Protein backbone atom coordinates (compact mmCIF):
# COMPACT_ATOMS: atom_id res chain seq x y z
CA UNK A 1 120.74 73.31 81.73
CA UNK A 2 122.64 72.20 84.80
CA UNK A 3 124.24 69.37 82.83
CA UNK A 4 125.50 71.79 80.17
CA UNK A 5 127.09 74.04 82.79
CA UNK A 6 128.71 71.11 84.58
CA UNK A 7 129.93 69.69 81.28
CA UNK A 8 131.43 73.04 80.23
CA UNK A 9 133.11 73.48 83.61
CA UNK A 10 134.64 70.00 83.49
CA UNK A 11 135.96 70.51 79.97
CA UNK A 12 137.41 73.90 80.91
CA UNK A 13 139.12 72.50 84.00
CA UNK A 14 140.50 69.60 81.96
CA UNK A 15 141.75 72.02 79.30
CA UNK A 16 143.61 74.07 81.88
CA UNK A 17 145.06 70.90 83.42
CA UNK A 18 146.14 69.68 79.97
CA UNK A 19 147.85 73.01 79.26
CA UNK A 20 149.65 72.77 82.58
CA UNK A 21 150.69 69.16 81.97
CA UNK A 22 151.87 69.76 78.40
CA UNK A 23 153.95 72.75 79.47
CA UNK A 24 156.38 70.25 80.97
CA UNK A 25 157.09 68.68 77.59
CA UNK A 26 160.00 70.11 75.61
CA UNK A 27 158.45 70.50 72.16
CA UNK A 28 161.58 72.11 70.72
CA UNK A 29 163.05 68.61 70.40
CA UNK A 30 160.15 67.46 68.21
CA UNK A 31 159.29 70.50 66.10
CA UNK A 32 161.16 72.98 63.97
CA UNK A 33 161.96 75.99 66.17
CA UNK A 34 162.09 78.24 63.11
CA UNK A 35 158.31 77.93 62.83
CA UNK A 36 156.96 78.76 66.29
CA UNK A 37 153.37 79.29 65.09
CA UNK A 38 153.11 75.66 64.00
CA UNK A 39 154.54 74.48 67.33
CA UNK A 40 152.03 76.60 69.25
CA UNK A 41 149.17 75.28 67.12
CA UNK A 42 150.30 71.70 67.76
CA UNK A 43 150.47 72.47 71.49
CA UNK A 44 146.93 73.86 71.45
CA UNK A 45 145.50 70.95 69.45
CA UNK A 46 147.16 68.42 71.76
CA UNK A 47 145.79 70.25 74.81
CA UNK A 48 142.26 70.28 73.35
CA UNK A 49 142.41 66.59 72.46
CA UNK A 50 143.73 65.63 75.88
CA UNK A 51 141.10 67.79 77.59
CA UNK A 52 138.31 66.22 75.54
CA UNK A 53 139.45 62.70 76.37
CA UNK A 54 139.91 63.46 80.06
CA UNK A 55 136.62 65.37 80.31
CA UNK A 56 134.68 62.65 78.53
CA UNK A 57 136.17 60.07 80.85
CA UNK A 58 135.22 62.07 83.92
CA UNK A 59 131.71 62.71 82.66
CA UNK A 60 131.17 59.01 82.03
CA UNK A 61 132.08 58.27 85.64
CA UNK A 62 129.71 60.80 87.18
CA UNK A 63 126.06 60.80 88.10
CA UNK A 64 125.37 63.35 85.32
CA UNK A 65 125.76 60.68 82.65
CA UNK A 66 122.02 59.90 82.44
CA UNK A 67 120.78 63.50 82.56
CA UNK A 68 121.16 64.42 78.88
């Protein structure tokens, strides 16, 4: 139970950090600005992927790795 809460908290923190980091990228140079919904969806998917990778990396480095 504790591991699930810690895991969720780490992924949430990483997701917020990924959103913050990706907000510095100018996506209007890479996507069609006439379709903002697709650009927002791409932004969200990239943030989720980055958060998963970062969270998984952090969880592998912690003491909670063997508590599953």
